[in-house]
Amino acid sequence: MSMSAAEQRILTEIEQTLRTQDLRFARRIDAMNAAHARAATGRPVRNGTAKKAALLVVAAIAAGMLVAVVVLAIFTT
């Protein structure tokens, strides 16, 4: 049985309030959700920080390659 839009909004508001008022509780809930996701999929769940770090590494490599191409173009002409 699915929730109505109003019920979902109320539930989201309650969650946000709990997250701002009780950080320790929010961390415990996040840990339980991650453990459940690992058990369901059989593999670890990546958080947003790992994805951002990977994107940063790719961007740094691309920027380095661009600089190398420009330097080579300048010195070969």
Foldseek 3Di string as FASTA:
>chain_A
DDDDPVVVVVVVVVLVVCCVPPVPVVVVVVVVVQVVVCVVVVHGDDDPVVVVVVVVVVVVVVVVVVVVVVVCVVVVD
